Amino acid sequence: MLPKILFDEGAVRSRISEMGREIEEYYRDKTDSLSAICVLKGSVHFFSELVLSINMNISYSFVHVSSYAGTQSTGRIRVKSWVDEDLAGKHVLVVEDIIDTGNTLRYILAYLRKYKPADLKVVTLIEKQKHDHGIPIDFVGFKVGDLFVVGYGLDYEERYRNLPYIGYLE
């Protein structure tokens, strides 16, 4: 059974392009270089499209961190791989697929601050408004209520990541 469409492919791609321009505008007078960190696995499609729409020198890093099992957060953070470059003094943009409880992102940001970046910003494709995660999100694609969303990298037990739209499971 396919998920119900929440944001179709055109809406997703259009919003990502707009976000690229917003990010570029934010950094315009600060730097021409950006260290973008993709939070795997869910952010891979969003990350790829987003960096293509930002006209700056961008270095790529990837972290693989997880806290979900099925549809629920486990509350435990598992780090599978981490950043392999020095971020001291650099402008860093963390690219996240979805922010729900904020536990995973809170962990990532606390750890990245130890590198002493010049600037640390967050961009997310989806922000769920179910939880008050308390994390300032600098760039948000879409805000959703209490839905379990999939597609465009987001999954349910590793399924639906390859959908070209964002849908939800009933």
Foldseek 3Di string as FASTA:
>chain_A
DDFAFDFALVLLLVLLLVLLVVVLVVCVVPDQEEEEEEEDDQCVLSVVSNVVNHRGHYHYFYWYWAQDDFQDGVLDIDTDDDGDDQQAQHAYEYEEAEQELCSHVVVVVVVVVVSHYPHYAYEYAEYEPDYPNVDDHDHYRYYYYPFQKAECRRDGVPPRPPHSGIGTDD
